[in-house]
Amino acid sequence: MKLFSWRPLSPETWDDFTTLFGAKGACGGCWCMLWRLPRKAYDAGKGAGNQQAMQNLVFNGKKPGILGYMDNVPAGWCSVGPRADFTGLERSRILKPVDEQPVWCVTCLFIDKSFRRMGVSRQLIAAAAEFAHRNGAAILEAYPVEPKQDSMPDVFAWTGISKPFLQNGFREVARRSETRPILRLSL
């Protein structure tokens, strides 16, 4: 059994992040900037531009998420932070705020192919809750998908699927789409 550990994304873990995301920037050059940038800037920056935008965040003191490791090998990424960091969420009618409470959000889970279906998502979500709590969050919110079919391509599950969130104590608080609940965990 492999040992799971996690660390915040920081200048010290930047190389692990780039190794995990690879040449494609995880998915189509996103570098986990979709929710962080205006749509035009995100589209224009796909690839190197989005990588540079994320690097600028990290090297200017932000910790925009956490890396999960299996036996010290980078295995997964979880984008987690205050909702205000994810201005792109405001573009979504489905993911608009549930209420006025300040929340932190899990907006992305990326698991390296060689570590998928091994429970890394569940462990990353638990670590994200710990990270958010350590940084003053009282509520953690997530936007997983619930596929209509038993299986779906991994690329469509980039916000996670509901099961590992529910296993970590999240509860549904809103649903504006058949396949996308809004889940919360009180920390």
N, C-alpha and C. Protein backbone atom coordinates (compact mmCIF):
# COMPACT_ATOMS: atom_id res chain seq x y z
N MET A 1 0.84 -1.18 0.00
CA MET A 1 0.00 0.00 0.00
C MET A 1 0.89 1.25 0.00
N LYS A 2 0.54 2.19 -0.87
CA LYS A 2 1.33 3.40 -0.99
C LYS A 2 0.92 4.41 0.07
N LEU A 3 1.88 5.19 0.52
CA LEU A 3 1.66 6.19 1.56
C LEU A 3 1.29 7.52 0.93
N PHE A 4 0.15 8.09 1.33
CA PHE A 4 -0.31 9.39 0.83
C PHE A 4 0.20 10.50 1.73
N SER A 5 0.62 11.59 1.11
CA SER A 5 0.98 12.81 1.83
C SER A 5 0.59 13.99 0.94
N TRP A 6 0.62 15.17 1.51
CA TRP A 6 0.27 16.35 0.72
C TRP A 6 1.08 17.56 1.17
N ARG A 7 1.19 18.52 0.24
CA ARG A 7 1.88 19.78 0.51
C ARG A 7 1.18 20.87 -0.29
N PRO A 8 1.15 22.09 0.24
CA PRO A 8 0.61 23.20 -0.55
C PRO A 8 1.49 23.47 -1.77
N LEU A 9 0.87 23.95 -2.85
CA LEU A 9 1.65 24.40 -3.99
C LEU A 9 2.37 25.69 -3.58
N SER A 10 3.66 25.70 -3.74
CA SER A 10 4.50 26.82 -3.34
C SER A 10 5.72 26.83 -4.27
N PRO A 11 6.59 27.83 -4.15
CA PRO A 11 7.81 27.79 -4.97
C PRO A 11 8.60 26.49 -4.77
N GLU A 12 8.58 25.95 -3.55
CA GLU A 12 9.33 24.71 -3.27
C GLU A 12 8.72 23.48 -3.95
N THR A 13 7.42 23.51 -4.23
CA THR A 13 6.77 22.35 -4.86
C THR A 13 6.41 22.61 -6.32
N TRP A 14 6.82 23.77 -6.85
CA TRP A 14 6.47 24.13 -8.23
C TRP A 14 6.91 23.07 -9.24
N ASP A 15 8.12 22.55 -9.11
CA ASP A 15 8.60 21.55 -10.06
C ASP A 15 7.74 20.28 -10.01
N ASP A 16 7.27 19.90 -8.83
CA ASP A 16 6.37 18.74 -8.73
C ASP A 16 5.06 19.01 -9.48
N PHE A 17 4.56 20.24 -9.36
CA PHE A 17 3.33 20.64 -10.05
C PHE A 17 3.51 20.55 -11.56
N THR A 18 4.61 21.09 -12.08
CA THR A 18 4.82 21.05 -13.53
C THR A 18 5.06 19.62 -14.01
N THR A 19 5.69 18.80 -13.19
CA THR A 19 5.85 17.39 -13.55
C THR A 19 4.49 16.71 -13.63
N LEU A 20 3.64 16.95 -12.64
CA LEU A 20 2.31 16.35 -12.62
C LEU A 20 1.47 16.80 -13.81
N PHE A 21 1.48 18.09 -14.12
CA PHE A 21 0.64 18.63 -15.19
C PHE A 21 1.19 18.30 -16.58
N GLY A 22 2.48 18.07 -16.69
CA GLY A 22 3.07 17.66 -17.96
C GLY A 22 3.00 18.72 -19.05
N ALA A 23 3.35 18.31 -20.24
CA ALA A 23 3.41 19.22 -21.38
C ALA A 23 2.05 19.81 -21.75
N LYS A 24 0.99 19.09 -21.46
CA LYS A 24 -0.36 19.57 -21.82
C LYS A 24 -0.95 20.49 -20.76
N GLY A 25 -0.25 20.72 -19.67
CA GLY A 25 -0.80 21.59 -18.64
C GLY A 25 -2.03 20.99 -17.99
N ALA A 26 -2.02 19.70 -17.77
CA ALA A 26 -3.10 18.88 -17.22
C ALA A 26 -4.13 18.59 -18.29
N CYS A 27 -4.83 19.61 -18.76
CA CYS A 27 -5.89 19.38 -19.75
C CYS A 27 -5.96 20.59 -20.68
N GLY A 28 -5.51 20.43 -21.88
CA GLY A 28 -5.64 21.47 -22.89
C GLY A 28 -4.99 22.80 -22.54
N GLY A 29 -3.92 22.77 -21.77
CA GLY A 29 -3.22 23.99 -21.43
C GLY A 29 -3.90 24.84 -20.37
N CYS A 30 -4.72 24.21 -19.56
CA CYS A 30 -5.49 24.96 -18.55
C CYS A 30 -4.60 25.50 -17.42
N TRP A 31 -3.69 24.68 -16.93
CA TRP A 31 -2.84 25.02 -15.78
C TRP A 31 -3.69 25.52 -14.61
N CYS A 32 -4.91 25.03 -14.55
CA CYS A 32 -5.86 25.33 -13.46
C CYS A 32 -6.14 26.83 -13.34
N MET A 33 -6.28 27.47 -14.47
CA MET A 33 -6.56 28.91 -14.48
C MET A 33 -7.97 29.25 -14.96
N LEU A 34 -8.77 28.27 -15.37
CA LEU A 34 -10.11 28.55 -15.92
C LEU A 34 -10.94 29.42 -15.01
N TRP A 35 -11.04 29.07 -13.74
CA TRP A 35 -11.89 29.83 -12.81
C TRP A 35 -11.20 31.07 -12.26
N ARG A 36 -9.90 31.20 -12.50
CA ARG A 36 -9.14 32.30 -11.91
C ARG A 36 -9.01 33.53 -12.82
N LEU A 37 -9.29 33.36 -14.11
CA LEU A 37 -9.08 34.43 -15.08
C LEU A 37 -10.37 34.77 -15.82
N PRO A 38 -10.48 35.99 -16.34
CA PRO A 38 -11.57 36.28 -17.28
C PRO A 38 -11.46 35.32 -18.47
N ARG A 39 -12.57 34.94 -19.04
CA ARG A 39 -12.58 33.91 -20.08
C ARG A 39 -11.66 34.24 -21.26
N LYS A 40 -11.66 35.49 -21.73
CA LYS A 40 -10.80 35.85 -22.86
C LYS A 40 -9.32 35.68 -22.50
N ALA A 41 -8.95 36.08 -21.32
CA ALA A 41 -7.56 35.93 -20.89
C ALA A 41 -7.20 34.45 -20.76
N TYR A 42 -8.11 33.65 -20.22
CA TYR A 42 -7.87 32.22 -20.10
C TYR A 42 -7.66 31.59 -21.48
N ASP A 43 -8.58 31.88 -22.41
CA ASP A 43 -8.48 31.30 -23.75
C ASP A 43 -7.19 31.74 -24.45
N ALA A 44 -6.84 33.01 -24.33
CA ALA A 44 -5.63 33.53 -24.97
C ALA A 44 -4.37 32.92 -24.36
N GLY A 45 -4.44 32.53 -23.09
CA GLY A 45 -3.26 32.03 -22.40
C GLY A 45 -3.10 30.53 -22.39
N LYS A 46 -4.00 29.79 -23.05
CA LYS A 46 -3.90 28.33 -23.02
C LYS A 46 -2.48 27.89 -23.32
N GLY A 47 -1.96 27.06 -22.45
CA GLY A 47 -0.58 26.61 -22.60
C GLY A 47 0.36 27.47 -21.77
N ALA A 48 1.37 28.01 -22.42
CA ALA A 48 2.43 28.73 -21.71
C ALA A 48 1.92 29.95 -20.96
N GLY A 49 0.94 30.65 -21.50
CA GLY A 49 0.41 31.84 -20.83
C GLY A 49 -0.27 31.49 -19.51
N ASN A 50 -1.06 30.43 -19.52
CA ASN A 50 -1.73 30.02 -18.27
C ASN A 50 -0.73 29.45 -17.27
N GLN A 51 0.28 28.75 -17.78
CA GLN A 51 1.32 28.26 -16.88
C GLN A 51 2.03 29.44 -16.21
N GLN A 52 2.34 30.46 -16.99
CA GLN A 52 3.01 31.64 -16.43
C GLN A 52 2.11 32.35 -15.43
N ALA A 53 0.81 32.42 -15.71
CA ALA A 53 -0.13 33.06 -14.78
C ALA A 53 -0.17 32.31 -13.45
N MET A 54 -0.19 30.98 -13.51
CA MET A 54 -0.18 30.19 -12.27
C MET A 54 1.15 30.37 -11.55
N GLN A 55 2.25 30.34 -12.29
CA GLN A 55 3.56 30.52 -11.67
C GLN A 55 3.64 31.88 -10.99
N ASN A 56 3.10 32.92 -11.61
CA ASN A 56 3.10 34.25 -10.99
C ASN A 56 2.35 34.24 -9.66
N LEU A 57 1.19 33.56 -9.63
CA LEU A 57 0.45 33.46 -8.36
C LEU A 57 1.33 32.82 -7.29
N VAL A 58 1.90 31.68 -7.63
CA VAL A 58 2.66 30.90 -6.66
C VAL A 58 3.90 31.65 -6.18
N PHE A 59 4.62 32.26 -7.10
CA PHE A 59 5.87 32.92 -6.72
C PHE A 59 5.63 34.31 -6.12
N ASN A 60 4.38 34.74 -6.09
CA ASN A 60 4.01 35.99 -5.40
C ASN A 60 3.30 35.70 -4.08
N GLY A 61 3.46 34.49 -3.56
CA GLY A 61 3.01 34.18 -2.22
C GLY A 61 1.66 33.49 -2.08
N LYS A 62 0.93 33.28 -3.17
CA LYS A 62 -0.36 32.57 -3.09
C LYS A 62 -0.10 31.07 -2.97
N LYS A 63 -0.99 30.41 -2.29
CA LYS A 63 -0.97 28.95 -2.24
C LYS A 63 -2.32 28.50 -2.81
N PRO A 64 -2.41 28.36 -4.15
CA PRO A 64 -3.69 28.14 -4.82
C PRO A 64 -4.23 26.72 -4.76
N GLY A 65 -3.59 25.86 -4.01
CA GLY A 65 -4.07 24.49 -3.90
C GLY A 65 -3.02 23.60 -3.27
N ILE A 66 -3.29 22.32 -3.36
CA ILE A 66 -2.39 21.34 -2.75
C ILE A 66 -2.03 20.23 -3.72
N LEU A 67 -0.87 19.67 -3.52
CA LEU A 67 -0.41 18.52 -4.28
C LEU A 67 -0.50 17.29 -3.39
N GLY A 68 -0.99 16.20 -3.95
CA GLY A 68 -1.00 14.93 -3.25
C GLY A 68 0.11 14.04 -3.78
N TYR A 69 0.73 13.31 -2.89
CA TYR A 69 1.84 12.43 -3.25
C TYR A 69 1.52 11.01 -2.80
N MET A 70 1.94 10.05 -3.62
CA MET A 70 1.91 8.65 -3.23
C MET A 70 3.36 8.19 -3.17
N ASP A 71 3.81 7.81 -1.98
CA ASP A 71 5.22 7.46 -1.76
C ASP A 71 6.14 8.55 -2.32
N ASN A 72 5.80 9.80 -2.03
CA ASN A 72 6.58 10.99 -2.41
C ASN A 72 6.62 11.27 -3.91
N VAL A 73 5.78 10.61 -4.69
CA VAL A 73 5.67 10.87 -6.13
C VAL A 73 4.44 11.74 -6.34
N PRO A 74 4.55 12.87 -7.08
CA PRO A 74 3.37 13.71 -7.32
C PRO A 74 2.27 12.90 -8.02
N ALA A 75 1.12 12.79 -7.36
CA ALA A 75 0.03 11.95 -7.86
C ALA A 75 -1.23 12.73 -8.18
N GLY A 76 -1.44 13.87 -7.52
CA GLY A 76 -2.68 14.60 -7.76
C GLY A 76 -2.60 16.04 -7.33
N TRP A 77 -3.56 16.80 -7.81
CA TRP A 77 -3.67 18.23 -7.55
C TRP A 77 -5.11 18.54 -7.15
N CYS A 78 -5.25 19.44 -6.19
CA CYS A 78 -6.57 19.94 -5.80
C CYS A 78 -6.48 21.45 -5.70
N SER A 79 -7.24 22.14 -6.54
CA SER A 79 -7.34 23.59 -6.47
C SER A 79 -8.31 23.93 -5.35
N VAL A 80 -7.85 24.70 -4.37
CA VAL A 80 -8.69 25.05 -3.23
C VAL A 80 -8.29 26.43 -2.73
N GLY A 81 -9.32 27.25 -2.46
CA GLY A 81 -9.06 28.59 -1.96
C GLY A 81 -10.36 29.34 -1.75
N PRO A 82 -10.27 30.58 -1.27
CA PRO A 82 -11.46 31.39 -1.06
C PRO A 82 -12.20 31.62 -2.39
N ARG A 83 -13.52 31.63 -2.33
CA ARG A 83 -14.32 31.82 -3.55
C ARG A 83 -13.89 33.07 -4.30
N ALA A 84 -13.47 34.12 -3.60
CA ALA A 84 -13.05 35.36 -4.25
C ALA A 84 -11.88 35.13 -5.20
N ASP A 85 -11.09 34.07 -5.00
CA ASP A 85 -9.97 33.76 -5.89
C ASP A 85 -10.43 33.21 -7.24
N PHE A 86 -11.69 32.79 -7.31
CA PHE A 86 -12.22 32.13 -8.50
C PHE A 86 -13.29 33.00 -9.15
N THR A 87 -12.84 34.12 -9.72
CA THR A 87 -13.79 35.07 -10.30
C THR A 87 -14.59 34.47 -11.44
N GLY A 88 -14.07 33.46 -12.08
CA GLY A 88 -14.78 32.79 -13.17
C GLY A 88 -16.05 32.10 -12.71
N LEU A 89 -16.16 31.77 -11.43
CA LEU A 89 -17.40 31.16 -10.93
C LEU A 89 -18.57 32.11 -11.11
N GLU A 90 -18.29 33.40 -11.13
CA GLU A 90 -19.36 34.38 -11.30
C GLU A 90 -19.98 34.32 -12.69
N ARG A 91 -19.30 33.69 -13.65
CA ARG A 91 -19.84 33.53 -15.00
C ARG A 91 -20.91 32.45 -15.07
N SER A 92 -20.98 31.60 -14.07
CA SER A 92 -21.84 30.43 -14.10
C SER A 92 -23.16 30.66 -13.37
N ARG A 93 -24.25 30.49 -14.08
CA ARG A 93 -25.56 30.59 -13.41
C ARG A 93 -25.80 29.37 -12.52
N ILE A 94 -25.19 28.25 -12.87
CA ILE A 94 -25.36 27.02 -12.09
C ILE A 94 -24.57 27.08 -10.78
N LEU A 95 -23.41 27.74 -10.80
CA LEU A 95 -22.53 27.76 -9.63
C LEU A 95 -22.52 29.10 -8.91
N LYS A 96 -23.54 29.90 -9.13
CA LYS A 96 -23.62 31.18 -8.43
C LYS A 96 -23.70 30.92 -6.93
N PRO A 97 -23.37 31.93 -6.10
CA PRO A 97 -23.38 31.71 -4.65
C PRO A 97 -24.74 31.20 -4.13
N VAL A 98 -24.67 30.30 -3.18
CA VAL A 98 -25.86 29.75 -2.55
C VAL A 98 -26.46 30.76 -1.57
N ASP A 99 -25.57 31.48 -0.87
CA ASP A 99 -25.99 32.46 0.13
C ASP A 99 -24.84 33.44 0.32
N GLU A 100 -24.90 34.21 1.37
CA GLU A 100 -23.87 35.24 1.61
C GLU A 100 -22.71 34.75 2.48
N GLN A 101 -22.73 33.49 2.90
CA GLN A 101 -21.67 32.99 3.77
C GLN A 101 -20.34 32.92 3.01
N PRO A 102 -19.25 33.31 3.67
CA PRO A 102 -17.94 33.17 3.01
C PRO A 102 -17.55 31.70 2.93
N VAL A 103 -17.17 31.27 1.75
CA VAL A 103 -16.79 29.87 1.55
C VAL A 103 -15.45 29.78 0.85
N TRP A 104 -14.79 28.68 1.08
CA TRP A 104 -13.65 28.27 0.27
C TRP A 104 -14.18 27.24 -0.71
N CYS A 105 -13.51 27.08 -1.84
CA CYS A 105 -14.00 26.21 -2.91
C CYS A 105 -12.94 25.22 -3.37
N VAL A 106 -13.39 24.03 -3.68
CA VAL A 106 -12.60 23.05 -4.42
C VAL A 106 -13.10 23.15 -5.86
N THR A 107 -12.24 23.61 -6.76
CA THR A 107 -12.68 23.81 -8.14
C THR A 107 -12.08 22.83 -9.13
N CYS A 108 -11.07 22.08 -8.72
CA CYS A 108 -10.43 21.16 -9.66
C CYS A 108 -9.74 20.04 -8.90
N LEU A 109 -9.84 18.85 -9.46
CA LEU A 109 -9.06 17.70 -9.01
C LEU A 109 -8.42 17.10 -10.25
N PHE A 110 -7.13 16.93 -10.21
CA PHE A 110 -6.42 16.29 -11.31
C PHE A 110 -5.56 15.18 -10.74
N ILE A 111 -5.80 13.98 -11.21
CA ILE A 111 -5.05 12.81 -10.73
C ILE A 111 -4.25 12.25 -11.91
N ASP A 112 -2.95 12.03 -11.70
CA ASP A 112 -2.12 11.41 -12.73
C ASP A 112 -2.72 10.06 -13.11
N LYS A 113 -2.67 9.73 -14.40
CA LYS A 113 -3.27 8.49 -14.90
C LYS A 113 -2.84 7.25 -14.10
N SER A 114 -1.57 7.21 -13.73
CA SER A 114 -1.07 6.01 -13.05
C SER A 114 -1.59 5.89 -11.62
N PHE A 115 -2.29 6.92 -11.11
CA PHE A 115 -2.81 6.86 -9.74
C PHE A 115 -4.34 6.95 -9.68
N ARG A 116 -5.00 6.90 -10.82
CA ARG A 116 -6.46 6.98 -10.82
C ARG A 116 -7.07 5.68 -10.32
N ARG A 117 -8.25 5.81 -9.74
CA ARG A 117 -9.02 4.69 -9.19
C ARG A 117 -8.28 3.98 -8.05
N MET A 118 -7.53 4.80 -7.28
CA MET A 118 -6.79 4.27 -6.13
C MET A 118 -7.17 5.02 -4.86
N GLY A 119 -8.20 5.88 -4.92
CA GLY A 119 -8.63 6.62 -3.74
C GLY A 119 -7.89 7.92 -3.52
N VAL A 120 -7.10 8.37 -4.49
CA VAL A 120 -6.34 9.61 -4.32
C VAL A 120 -7.29 10.80 -4.20
N SER A 121 -8.37 10.83 -4.98
CA SER A 121 -9.31 11.95 -4.89
C SER A 121 -9.86 12.10 -3.48
N ARG A 122 -10.27 10.99 -2.89
CA ARG A 122 -10.83 11.03 -1.54
C ARG A 122 -9.80 11.59 -0.55
N GLN A 123 -8.56 11.15 -0.68
CA GLN A 123 -7.51 11.62 0.22
C GLN A 123 -7.17 13.09 -0.04
N LEU A 124 -7.17 13.50 -1.30
CA LEU A 124 -6.91 14.90 -1.63
C LEU A 124 -8.01 15.80 -1.08
N ILE A 125 -9.24 15.36 -1.16
CA ILE A 125 -10.37 16.15 -0.66
C ILE A 125 -10.25 16.32 0.86
N ALA A 126 -9.91 15.25 1.55
CA ALA A 126 -9.71 15.35 3.01
C ALA A 126 -8.57 16.32 3.32
N ALA A 127 -7.50 16.25 2.54
CA ALA A 127 -6.37 17.16 2.75
C ALA A 127 -6.76 18.60 2.43
N ALA A 128 -7.58 18.80 1.41
CA ALA A 128 -8.05 20.15 1.06
C ALA A 128 -8.87 20.74 2.20
N ALA A 129 -9.69 19.91 2.84
CA ALA A 129 -10.46 20.39 3.99
C ALA A 129 -9.53 20.80 5.13
N GLU A 130 -8.50 20.00 5.37
CA GLU A 130 -7.53 20.33 6.41
C GLU A 130 -6.79 21.64 6.08
N PHE A 131 -6.37 21.77 4.83
CA PHE A 131 -5.68 22.98 4.37
C PHE A 131 -6.57 24.21 4.52
N ALA A 132 -7.82 24.11 4.09
CA ALA A 132 -8.76 25.23 4.18
C ALA A 132 -8.99 25.61 5.65
N HIS A 133 -9.20 24.62 6.49
CA HIS A 133 -9.42 24.87 7.92
C HIS A 133 -8.20 25.57 8.54
N ARG A 134 -7.01 25.07 8.24
CA ARG A 134 -5.77 25.67 8.77
C ARG A 134 -5.63 27.14 8.35
N ASN A 135 -6.25 27.48 7.22
CA ASN A 135 -6.15 28.84 6.69
C ASN A 135 -7.38 29.68 6.98
N GLY A 136 -8.19 29.24 7.95
CA GLY A 136 -9.29 30.06 8.44
C GLY A 136 -10.65 29.84 7.82
N ALA A 137 -10.80 28.89 6.93
CA ALA A 137 -12.10 28.64 6.31
C ALA A 137 -13.04 27.95 7.30
N ALA A 138 -14.30 28.31 7.24
CA ALA A 138 -15.33 27.67 8.07
C ALA A 138 -16.21 26.74 7.23
N ILE A 139 -16.28 27.01 5.93
CA ILE A 139 -17.11 26.21 5.01
C ILE A 139 -16.29 25.94 3.76
N LEU A 140 -16.31 24.68 3.32
CA LEU A 140 -15.67 24.29 2.07
C LEU A 140 -16.76 23.83 1.11
N GLU A 141 -16.74 24.38 -0.09
CA GLU A 141 -17.77 24.09 -1.09
C GLU A 141 -17.13 23.39 -2.29
N ALA A 142 -17.90 22.53 -2.95
CA ALA A 142 -17.40 21.80 -4.12
C ALA A 142 -18.50 21.68 -5.16
N TYR A 143 -18.08 21.45 -6.41
CA TYR A 143 -18.99 21.43 -7.55
C TYR A 143 -18.77 20.20 -8.42
N PRO A 144 -18.86 19.01 -7.83
CA PRO A 144 -18.58 17.79 -8.60
C PRO A 144 -19.65 17.51 -9.66
N VAL A 145 -19.34 16.57 -10.52
CA VAL A 145 -20.32 16.12 -11.50
C VAL A 145 -20.90 14.79 -11.05
N GLU A 146 -22.13 14.57 -11.44
CA GLU A 146 -22.78 13.28 -11.25
C GLU A 146 -23.17 12.79 -12.64
N PRO A 147 -22.34 11.93 -13.23
CA PRO A 147 -22.60 11.50 -14.60
C PRO A 147 -23.93 10.77 -14.74
N LYS A 148 -24.58 10.96 -15.89
CA LYS A 148 -25.84 10.28 -16.17
C LYS A 148 -25.62 8.81 -16.46
N GLN A 149 -24.41 8.46 -16.89
CA GLN A 149 -24.07 7.08 -17.19
C GLN A 149 -23.05 6.59 -16.15
N ASP A 150 -22.87 5.27 -16.09
CA ASP A 150 -21.96 4.71 -15.10
C ASP A 150 -20.51 5.16 -15.28
N SER A 151 -20.11 5.41 -16.50
CA SER A 151 -18.75 5.86 -16.71
C SER A 151 -18.75 7.07 -17.64
N MET A 152 -17.71 7.86 -17.49
CA MET A 152 -17.52 9.01 -18.36
C MET A 152 -16.03 9.23 -18.53
N PRO A 153 -15.62 9.89 -19.60
CA PRO A 153 -14.19 10.14 -19.77
C PRO A 153 -13.64 10.94 -18.59
N ASP A 154 -12.45 10.57 -18.14
CA ASP A 154 -11.84 11.24 -16.99
C ASP A 154 -11.74 12.75 -17.17
N VAL A 155 -11.52 13.20 -18.41
CA VAL A 155 -11.35 14.62 -18.66
C VAL A 155 -12.59 15.43 -18.26
N PHE A 156 -13.76 14.80 -18.26
CA PHE A 156 -14.99 15.51 -17.89
C PHE A 156 -15.22 15.53 -16.39
N ALA A 157 -14.36 14.89 -15.64
CA ALA A 157 -14.52 14.84 -14.18
C ALA A 157 -13.53 15.75 -13.47
N TRP A 158 -13.12 16.82 -14.11
CA TRP A 158 -12.07 17.68 -13.55
C TRP A 158 -12.49 18.43 -12.30
N THR A 159 -13.78 18.54 -12.01
CA THR A 159 -14.21 19.12 -10.73
C THR A 159 -14.46 18.02 -9.70
N GLY A 160 -14.19 16.79 -10.08
CA GLY A 160 -14.43 15.65 -9.20
C GLY A 160 -15.81 15.07 -9.42
N ILE A 161 -16.03 13.91 -8.84
CA ILE A 161 -17.36 13.30 -8.83
C ILE A 161 -17.84 13.32 -7.37
N SER A 162 -19.13 13.19 -7.18
CA SER A 162 -19.71 13.38 -5.85
C SER A 162 -19.24 12.39 -4.79
N LYS A 163 -19.08 11.13 -5.17
CA LYS A 163 -18.83 10.07 -4.17
C LYS A 163 -17.70 10.38 -3.19
N PRO A 164 -16.48 10.75 -3.64
CA PRO A 164 -15.43 11.00 -2.63
C PRO A 164 -15.71 12.22 -1.75
N PHE A 165 -16.45 13.19 -2.26
CA PHE A 165 -16.82 14.33 -1.42
C PHE A 165 -17.79 13.87 -0.33
N LEU A 166 -18.80 13.09 -0.72
CA LEU A 166 -19.78 12.60 0.24
C LEU A 166 -19.10 11.70 1.28
N GLN A 167 -18.12 10.91 0.85
CA GLN A 167 -17.37 10.05 1.79
C GLN A 167 -16.60 10.88 2.80
N ASN A 168 -16.31 12.13 2.46
CA ASN A 168 -15.59 13.03 3.36
C ASN A 168 -16.53 13.94 4.15
N GLY A 169 -17.83 13.67 4.13
CA GLY A 169 -18.77 14.41 4.95
C GLY A 169 -19.45 15.60 4.30
N PHE A 170 -19.20 15.84 3.03
CA PHE A 170 -19.89 16.93 2.33
C PHE A 170 -21.37 16.57 2.21
N ARG A 171 -22.21 17.62 2.17
CA ARG A 171 -23.66 17.45 2.01
C ARG A 171 -24.14 18.40 0.92
N GLU A 172 -25.14 17.96 0.16
CA GLU A 172 -25.70 18.79 -0.90
C GLU A 172 -26.49 19.95 -0.30
N VAL A 173 -26.22 21.17 -0.81
CA VAL A 173 -26.92 22.36 -0.34
C VAL A 173 -27.71 23.04 -1.44
N ALA A 174 -27.42 22.73 -2.69
CA ALA A 174 -28.15 23.31 -3.82
C ALA A 174 -27.89 22.45 -5.05
N ARG A 175 -28.83 22.55 -6.00
CA ARG A 175 -28.66 21.86 -7.28
C ARG A 175 -29.44 22.66 -8.33
N ARG A 176 -28.69 23.21 -9.25
CA ARG A 176 -29.30 24.00 -10.33
C ARG A 176 -29.17 23.31 -11.67
N SER A 177 -28.59 22.12 -11.63
CA SER A 177 -28.38 21.30 -12.81
C SER A 177 -28.52 19.84 -12.38
N GLU A 178 -29.09 19.04 -13.26
CA GLU A 178 -29.31 17.63 -12.95
C GLU A 178 -28.01 16.91 -12.59
N THR A 179 -26.92 17.31 -13.21
CA THR A 179 -25.65 16.59 -13.03
C THR A 179 -24.61 17.33 -12.20
N ARG A 180 -24.98 18.47 -11.59
CA ARG A 180 -23.97 19.24 -10.86
C ARG A 180 -24.53 19.76 -9.53
N PRO A 181 -24.38 18.97 -8.46
CA PRO A 181 -24.78 19.48 -7.14
C PRO A 181 -23.75 20.45 -6.60
N ILE A 182 -24.18 21.28 -5.68
CA ILE A 182 -23.27 22.12 -4.91
C ILE A 182 -23.22 21.49 -3.53
N LEU A 183 -22.02 21.10 -3.13
CA LEU A 183 -21.82 20.39 -1.87
C LEU A 183 -21.05 21.28 -0.91
N ARG A 184 -21.32 21.10 0.38
CA ARG A 184 -20.60 21.85 1.41
C ARG A 184 -20.19 20.94 2.55
N LEU A 185 -19.07 21.36 3.16
CA LEU A 185 -18.57 20.73 4.38
C LEU A 185 -18.30 21.83 5.39
N SER A 186 -18.87 21.71 6.59
CA SER A 186 -18.56 22.64 7.67
C SER A 186 -17.26 22.19 8.31
N LEU A 187 -16.35 23.14 8.48
CA LEU A 187 -15.02 22.81 9.01
C LEU A 187 -14.91 23.18 10.49
